[in-house]
PDB file of N, CA and C in Angstrom:
ATOM      1  N   UNK A   1      85.644 -28.127  -5.054  1.00  0.00           N
ATOM      2  CA  UNK A   1      84.969 -27.150  -4.346  1.00  0.00           C
ATOM      3  C   UNK A   1      84.479 -27.469  -3.170  1.00  0.00           C
ATOM      4  N   UNK A   2      83.569 -28.562  -2.932  1.00  0.00           N
ATOM      5  CA  UNK A   2      82.889 -28.847  -1.836  1.00  0.00           C
ATOM      6  C   UNK A   2      83.842 -28.979  -0.415  1.00  0.00           C
ATOM      7  N   UNK A   3      85.047 -29.507  -0.585  1.00  0.00           N
ATOM      8  CA  UNK A   3      86.067 -29.467   0.571  1.00  0.00           C
ATOM      9  C   UNK A   3      86.424 -28.188   0.893  1.00  0.00           C
ATOM     10  N   UNK A   4      86.199 -26.848   0.040  1.00  0.00           N
ATOM     11  CA  UNK A   4      86.468 -25.731   0.419  1.00  0.00           C
ATOM     12  C   UNK A   4      85.424 -24.920   1.420  1.00  0.00           C
ATOM     13  N   UNK A   5      84.302 -25.846   1.523  1.00  0.00           N
ATOM     14  CA  UNK A   5      83.056 -24.932   2.464  1.00  0.00           C
ATOM     15  C   UNK A   5      83.276 -25.792   3.802  1.00  0.00           C
ATOM     16  N   UNK A   6      83.499 -24.663   4.652  1.00  0.00           N
ATOM     17  CA  UNK A   6      83.529 -24.958   6.068  1.00  0.00           C
ATOM     18  C   UNK A   6      82.190 -25.147   7.044  1.00  0.00           C
ATOM     19  N   UNK A   7      82.070 -26.141   7.627  1.00  0.00           N
ATOM     20  CA  UNK A   7      80.879 -26.569   8.273  1.00  0.00           C
ATOM     21  C   UNK A   7      80.982 -26.102   9.850  1.00  0.00           C
ATOM     22  N   UNK A   8      79.703 -26.400  10.510  1.00  0.00           N
ATOM     23  CA  UNK A   8      79.954 -26.217  12.021  1.00  0.00           C
ATOM     24  C   UNK A   8      81.240 -27.003  12.840  1.00  0.00           C
ATOM     25  N   UNK A   9      81.483 -28.199  12.135  1.00  0.00           N
ATOM     26  CA  UNK A   9      82.574 -28.877  12.660  1.00  0.00           C
ATOM     27  C   UNK A   9      83.843 -28.372  12.508  1.00  0.00           C
ATOM     28  N   UNK A  10      84.026 -27.340  11.666  1.00  0.00           N
ATOM     29  CA  UNK A  10      85.341 -26.752  11.289  1.00  0.00           C
ATOM     30  C   UNK A  10      85.330 -25.464  12.108  1.00  0.00           C
ATOM     31  N   UNK A  11      84.118 -24.653  12.032  1.00  0.00           N
ATOM     32  CA  UNK A  11      84.130 -23.541  12.331  1.00  0.00           C
ATOM     33  C   UNK A  11      83.835 -23.217  14.085  1.00  0.00           C
ATOM     34  N   UNK A  12      83.142 -24.062  14.563  1.00  0.00           N
ATOM     35  CA  UNK A  12      82.938 -23.965  16.109  1.00  0.00           C
ATOM     36  C   UNK A  12      84.154 -23.807  16.916  1.00  0.00           C
ATOM     37  N   UNK A  13      85.392 -25.061  16.551  1.00  0.00           N
ATOM     38  CA  UNK A  13      86.414 -24.748  17.457  1.00  0.00           C
ATOM     39  C   UNK A  13      87.198 -23.435  17.192  1.00  0.00           C
ATOM     40  N   UNK A  14      87.075 -22.925  16.068  1.00  0.00           N
ATOM     41  CA  UNK A  14      88.118 -21.698  15.864  1.00  0.00           C
ATOM     42  C   UNK A  14      87.167 -20.543  16.260  1.00  0.00           C
ATOM     43  N   UNK A  15      85.792 -20.588  16.398  1.00  0.00           N
ATOM     44  CA  UNK A  15      85.036 -19.455  16.916  1.00  0.00           C
ATOM     45  C   UNK A  15      85.033 -19.518  18.526  1.00  0.00           C
ATOM     46  N   UNK A  16      84.883 -20.738  19.068  1.00  0.00           N
ATOM     47  CA  UNK A  16      84.770 -20.934  20.554  1.00  0.00           C
ATOM     48  C   UNK A  16      83.189 -20.818  20.954  1.00  0.00           C
ATOM     49  N   UNK A  17      82.584 -21.132  19.981  1.00  0.00           N
ATOM     50  CA  UNK A  17      80.989 -21.019  20.024  1.00  0.00           C
ATOM     51  C   UNK A  17      80.282 -22.282  19.384  1.00  0.00           C
ATOM     52  N   UNK A  18      79.522 -22.853  20.091  1.00  0.00           N
ATOM     53  CA  UNK A  18      78.844 -24.279  19.768  1.00  0.00           C
ATOM     54  C   UNK A  18      77.401 -23.956  19.514  1.00  0.00           C
ATOM     55  N   UNK A  19      76.672 -22.810  19.338  1.00  0.00           N
ATOM     56  CA  UNK A  19      75.445 -22.497  19.049  1.00  0.00           C
ATOM     57  C   UNK A  19      75.413 -21.762  17.743  1.00  0.00           C
ATOM     58  N   UNK A  20      74.152 -22.164  16.905  1.00  0.00           N
ATOM     59  CA  UNK A  20      74.256 -21.563  15.583  1.00  0.00           C
ATOM     60  C   UNK A  20      74.281 -19.959  15.689  1.00  0.00           C
ATOM     61  N   UNK A  21      73.319 -19.394  16.636  1.00  0.00           N
ATOM     62  CA  UNK A  21      73.250 -18.106  16.893  1.00  0.00           C
ATOM     63  C   UNK A  21      74.734 -17.442  17.170  1.00  0.00           C
ATOM     64  N   UNK A  22      75.121 -17.910  18.180  1.00  0.00           N
ATOM     65  CA  UNK A  22      76.437 -17.376  18.686  1.00  0.00           C
ATOM     66  C   UNK A  22      77.546 -17.518  17.333  1.00  0.00           C
ATOM     67  N   UNK A  23      77.703 -18.613  16.705  1.00  0.00           N
ATOM     68  CA  UNK A  23      78.373 -18.553  15.523  1.00  0.00           C
ATOM     69  C   UNK A  23      78.259 -17.613  14.569  1.00  0.00           C
ATOM     70  N   UNK A  24      76.836 -17.280  14.193  1.00  0.00           N
ATOM     71  CA  UNK A  24      76.443 -16.535  13.303  1.00  0.00           C
ATOM     72  C   UNK A  24      76.860 -14.826  13.661  1.00  0.00           C
ATOM     73  N   UNK A  25      76.994 -14.662  14.821  1.00  0.00           N
ATOM     74  CA  UNK A  25      77.180 -13.245  15.723  1.00  0.00           C
ATOM     75  C   UNK A  25      78.654 -13.104  15.417  1.00  0.00           C
ATOM     76  N   UNK A  26      79.570 -14.183  15.562  1.00  0.00           N
ATOM     77  CA  UNK A  26      81.006 -14.254  15.589  1.00  0.00           C
ATOM     78  C   UNK A  26      81.326 -14.029  14.116  1.00  0.00           C
ATOM     79  N   UNK A  27      80.717 -14.681  13.172  1.00  0.00           N
ATOM     80  CA  UNK A  27      81.144 -14.410  11.887  1.00  0.00           C
ATOM     81  C   UNK A  27      80.831 -13.002  11.276  1.00  0.00           C
ATOM     82  N   UNK A  28      79.683 -12.383  11.710  1.00  0.00           N
ATOM     83  CA  UNK A  28      79.408 -10.934  11.333  1.00  0.00           C
ATOM     84  C   UNK A  28      80.321 -10.149  12.020  1.00  0.00           C
ATOM     85  N   UNK A  29      80.796 -10.225  13.398  1.00  0.00           N
ATOM     86  CA  UNK A  29      81.509  -9.330  13.896  1.00  0.00           C
ATOM     87  C   UNK A  29      83.018  -9.341  13.283  1.00  0.00           C
ATOM     88  N   UNK A  30      83.250 -10.658  12.652  1.00  0.00           N
ATOM     89  CA  UNK A  30      84.699 -10.529  11.908  1.00  0.00           C
ATOM     90  C   UNK A  30      84.528 -10.440  10.581  1.00  0.00           C
ATOM     91  N   UNK A  31      83.360 -10.039  10.095  1.00  0.00           N
ATOM     92  CA  UNK A  31      83.299  -9.676   8.748  1.00  0.00           C
ATOM     93  C   UNK A  31      83.391 -10.729   7.752  1.00  0.00           C
ATOM     94  N   UNK A  32      83.123 -11.963   8.244  1.00  0.00           N
ATOM     95  CA  UNK A  32      83.310 -13.135   7.463  1.00  0.00           C
ATOM     96  C   UNK A  32      82.081 -13.565   6.789  1.00  0.00           C
ATOM     97  N   UNK A  33      81.775 -13.705   5.310  1.00  0.00           N
ATOM     98  CA  UNK A  33      80.674 -13.822   4.668  1.00  0.00           C
ATOM     99  C   UNK A  33      80.287 -15.298   4.895  1.00  0.00           C
ATOM    100  N   UNK A  34      79.014 -15.544   5.144  1.00  0.00           N
ATOM    101  CA  UNK A  34      78.663 -16.880   5.165  1.00  0.00           C
ATOM    102  C   UNK A  34      77.337 -17.216   4.641  1.00  0.00           C
ATOM    103  N   UNK A  35      76.902 -18.215   4.351  1.00  0.00           N
ATOM    104  CA  UNK A  35      75.391 -18.683   3.974  1.00  0.00           C
ATOM    105  C   UNK A  35      74.906 -19.563   5.032  1.00  0.00           C
ATOM    106  N   UNK A  36      73.709 -19.757   5.073  1.00  0.00           N
ATOM    107  CA  UNK A  36      72.902 -20.613   5.962  1.00  0.00           C
ATOM    108  C   UNK A  36      72.440 -21.896   5.262  1.00  0.00           C
ATOM    109  N   UNK A  37      72.836 -22.918   5.905  1.00  0.00           N
ATOM    110  CA  UNK A  37      72.484 -24.253   5.256  1.00  0.00           C
ATOM    111  C   UNK A  37      70.960 -24.524   5.538  1.00  0.00           C
ATOM    112  N   UNK A  38      70.564 -25.695   4.999  1.00  0.00           N
ATOM    113  CA  UNK A  38      69.047 -26.042   5.272  1.00  0.00           C
ATOM    114  C   UNK A  38      68.849 -26.382   6.897  1.00  0.00           C
ATOM    115  N   UNK A  39      69.930 -26.821   7.402  1.00  0.00           N
ATOM    116  CA  UNK A  39      69.812 -27.236   9.024  1.00  0.00           C
ATOM    117  C   UNK A  39      69.907 -25.992   9.787  1.00  0.00           C
ATOM    118  N   UNK A  40      70.326 -24.824   9.044  1.00  0.00           N
ATOM    119  CA  UNK A  40      70.295 -23.501   9.929  1.00  0.00           C
ATOM    120  C   UNK A  40      71.652 -23.208  10.464  1.00  0.00           C
ATOM    121  N   UNK A  41      72.575 -23.984  10.078  1.00  0.00           N
ATOM    122  CA  UNK A  41      74.088 -23.541  10.475  1.00  0.00           C
ATOM    123  C   UNK A  41      74.819 -22.745   9.390  1.00  0.00           C
ATOM    124  N   UNK A  42      75.714 -21.707   9.683  1.00  0.00           N
ATOM    125  CA  UNK A  42      76.424 -21.221   8.682  1.00  0.00           C
ATOM    126  C   UNK A  42      77.406 -22.018   7.886  1.00  0.00           C
ATOM    127  N   UNK A  43      77.551 -21.712   6.840  1.00  0.00           N
ATOM    128  CA  UNK A  43      78.569 -22.318   5.898  1.00  0.00           C
ATOM    129  C   UNK A  43      79.547 -21.060   5.478  1.00  0.00           C
ATOM    130  N   UNK A  44      80.923 -21.700   5.652  1.00  0.00           N
ATOM    131  CA  UNK A  44      81.802 -20.509   5.003  1.00  0.00           C
ATOM    132  C   UNK A  44      82.762 -21.050   4.118  1.00  0.00           C
ATOM    133  N   UNK A  45      83.224 -20.268   2.966  1.00  0.00           N
ATOM    134  CA  UNK A  45      84.176 -20.731   2.168  1.00  0.00           C
ATOM    135  C   UNK A  45      85.696 -20.643   2.721  1.00  0.00           C
ATOM    136  N   UNK A  46      86.388 -21.458   2.752  1.00  0.00           N
ATOM    137  CA  UNK A  46      87.794 -21.480   3.285  1.00  0.00           C
ATOM    138  C   UNK A  46      88.554 -20.130   2.974  1.00  0.00           C
ATOM    139  N   UNK A  47      88.540 -19.743   1.745  1.00  0.00           N
ATOM    140  CA  UNK A  47      89.107 -18.687   1.486  1.00  0.00           C
ATOM    141  C   UNK A  47      88.715 -17.499   2.184  1.00  0.00           C
ATOM    142  N   UNK A  48      87.558 -17.185   2.388  1.00  0.00           N
ATOM    143  CA  UNK A  48      86.945 -16.286   3.183  1.00  0.00           C
ATOM    144  C   UNK A  48      87.674 -16.140   4.718  1.00  0.00           C
ATOM    145  N   UNK A  49      87.528 -17.257   5.179  1.00  0.00           N
ATOM    146  CA  UNK A  49      87.865 -17.468   6.447  1.00  0.00           C
ATOM    147  C   UNK A  49      89.695 -17.188   6.652  1.00  0.00           C
ATOM    148  N   UNK A  50      90.250 -17.620   5.692  1.00  0.00           N
ATOM    149  CA  UNK A  50      91.760 -17.546   5.526  1.00  0.00           C
ATOM    150  C   UNK A  50      91.940 -15.849   5.399  1.00  0.00           C
ATOM    151  N   UNK A  51      91.035 -15.102   4.416  1.00  0.00           N
ATOM    152  CA  UNK A  51      91.249 -13.754   4.444  1.00  0.00           C
ATOM    153  C   UNK A  51      91.000 -12.797   5.846  1.00  0.00           C
ATOM    154  N   UNK A  52      90.168 -13.513   6.319  1.00  0.00           N
ATOM    155  CA  UNK A  52      89.865 -12.954   7.714  1.00  0.00           C
ATOM    156  C   UNK A  52      90.959 -13.090   8.661  1.00  0.00           C
ATOM    157  N   UNK A  53      91.748 -14.240   8.675  1.00  0.00           N
ATOM    158  CA  UNK A  53      92.630 -14.506   9.412  1.00  0.00           C
ATOM    159  C   UNK A  53      94.041 -13.995   9.066  1.00  0.00           C
ATOM    160  N   UNK A  54      93.872 -13.139   8.087  1.00  0.00           N
ATOM    161  CA  UNK A  54      95.452 -12.527   7.354  1.00  0.00           C
ATOM    162  C   UNK A  54      96.201 -13.403   6.634  1.00  0.00           C
ATOM    163  N   UNK A  55      95.691 -14.475   6.015  1.00  0.00           N
ATOM    164  CA  UNK A  55      96.326 -15.216   4.836  1.00  0.00           C
ATOM    165  C   UNK A  55      95.895 -14.594   3.590  1.00  0.00           C
ATOM    166  N   UNK A  56      96.791 -13.888   2.825  1.00  0.00           N
ATOM    167  CA  UNK A  56      96.565 -13.465   1.539  1.00  0.00           C
ATOM    168  C   UNK A  56      96.407 -14.275   0.446  1.00  0.00           C
ATOM    169  N   UNK A  57      97.543 -15.432   0.643  1.00  0.00           N
ATOM    170  CA  UNK A  57      97.508 -16.243  -0.522  1.00  0.00           C
ATOM    171  C   UNK A  57      97.683 -17.594  -0.132  1.00  0.00           C
ATOM    172  N   UNK A  58      97.047 -18.408  -0.570  1.00  0.00           N
ATOM    173  CA  UNK A  58      97.203 -20.015  -0.262  1.00  0.00           C
ATOM    174  C   UNK A  58      98.165 -20.543  -1.100  1.00  0.00           C
ATOM    175  N   UNK A  59      99.100 -21.137  -0.928  1.00  0.00           N
ATOM    176  CA  UNK A  59     100.166 -21.875  -1.693  1.00  0.00           C
ATOM    177  C   UNK A  59      99.622 -23.191  -2.019  1.00  0.00           C
ATOM    178  N   UNK A  60      99.429 -23.616  -3.394  1.00  0.00           N
ATOM    179  CA  UNK A  60      98.995 -24.858  -3.679  1.00  0.00           C
ATOM    180  C   UNK A  60     100.122 -25.636  -3.894  1.00  0.00           C
ATOM    181  N   UNK A  61     101.168 -26.180  -2.898  1.00  0.00           N
ATOM    182  CA  UNK A  61     102.302 -27.081  -3.032  1.00  0.00           C
ATOM    183  C   UNK A  61     102.410 -27.855  -1.806  1.00  0.00           C
ATOM    184  N   UNK A  62     103.482 -28.436  -1.694  1.00  0.00           N
ATOM    185  CA  UNK A  62     103.545 -29.318  -0.524  1.00  0.00           C
ATOM    186  C   UNK A  62     103.691 -28.412   0.749  1.00  0.00           C
ATOM    187  N   UNK A  63     104.254 -27.169   0.525  1.00  0.00           N
ATOM    188  CA  UNK A  63     104.397 -26.133   1.783  1.00  0.00           C
ATOM    189  C   UNK A  63     103.049 -25.571   2.112  1.00  0.00           C
ATOM    190  N   UNK A  64     101.727 -26.145   1.507  1.00  0.00           N
ATOM    191  CA  UNK A  64     100.411 -25.576   1.773  1.00  0.00           C
ATOM    192  C   UNK A  64     100.271 -25.857   3.259  1.00  0.00           C
ATOM    193  N   UNK A  65     100.535 -27.019   3.931  1.00  0.00           N
ATOM    194  CA  UNK A  65     100.491 -27.392   5.226  1.00  0.00           C
ATOM    195  C   UNK A  65     101.107 -26.317   6.232  1.00  0.00           C
ATOM    196  N   UNK A  66     102.054 -25.645   5.710  1.00  0.00           N
ATOM    197  CA  UNK A  66     102.923 -24.730   6.773  1.00  0.00           C
ATOM    198  C   UNK A  66     102.444 -23.532   6.547  1.00  0.00           C
ATOM    199  N   UNK A  67     101.163 -23.099   6.254  1.00  0.00           N
ATOM    200  CA  UNK A  67     100.656 -22.045   6.267  1.00  0.00           C
ATOM    201  C   UNK A  67     100.047 -21.700   7.767  1.00  0.00           C
ATOM    202  N   UNK A  68     100.655 -20.470   8.334  1.00  0.00           N
ATOM    203  CA  UNK A  68     100.122 -20.159   9.716  1.00  0.00           C
ATOM    204  C   UNK A  68      99.086 -19.054   9.751  1.00  0.00           C
ATOM    205  N   UNK A  69      98.333 -19.286  10.519  1.00  0.00           N
ATOM    206  CA  UNK A  69      96.990 -18.372  10.693  1.00  0.00           C
ATOM    207  C   UNK A  69      97.187 -17.387  11.773  1.00  0.00           C
ATOM    208  N   UNK A  70      96.687 -16.321  11.575  1.00  0.00           N
ATOM    209  CA  UNK A  70      96.866 -15.079  12.455  1.00  0.00           C
ATOM    210  C   UNK A  70      95.375 -15.101  13.465  1.00  0.00           C
ATOM    211  N   UNK A  71      95.508 -15.797  14.214  1.00  0.00           N
ATOM    212  CA  UNK A  71      94.141 -16.168  15.138  1.00  0.00           C
ATOM    213  C   UNK A  71      93.997 -14.793  15.956  1.00  0.00           C
ATOM    214  N   UNK A  72      94.846 -14.005  16.173  1.00  0.00           N
ATOM    215  CA  UNK A  72      94.625 -12.562  16.887  1.00  0.00           C
ATOM    216  C   UNK A  72      94.003 -11.724  16.218  1.00  0.00           C
ATOM    217  N   UNK A  73      93.919 -11.966  14.722  1.00  0.00           N
ATOM    218  CA  UNK A  73      93.226 -10.899  13.749  1.00  0.00           C
ATOM    219  C   UNK A  73      91.649 -10.923  14.012  1.00  0.00           C
ATOM    220  N   UNK A  74      91.150 -12.153  14.814  1.00  0.00           N
ATOM    221  CA  UNK A  74      89.772 -12.463  15.083  1.00  0.00           C
ATOM    222  C   UNK A  74      89.446 -11.972  16.452  1.00  0.00           C
ATOM    223  N   UNK A  75      88.209 -11.658  16.369  1.00  0.00           N
ATOM    224  CA  UNK A  75      87.807 -11.179  17.768  1.00  0.00           C
ATOM    225  C   UNK A  75      87.270 -12.275  18.760  1.00  0.00           C
TER     226      UNK A  75
END
């Protein structure tokens, strides 16, 4: 389950923001639930981000790597 938690290393390139506050605002604007770590950076569950990007079901097979994300669904 820990591998399903996304950190700033994962989130910042997607959001295009490298500051804590801007990343938090971006997550809120895109209705992506998050928690704040001890370091102050948001943490997001992978499935929450996938839902926001239009992925309805994650296939747990060899084809899982071929899932395409809809980046246009994000602000």
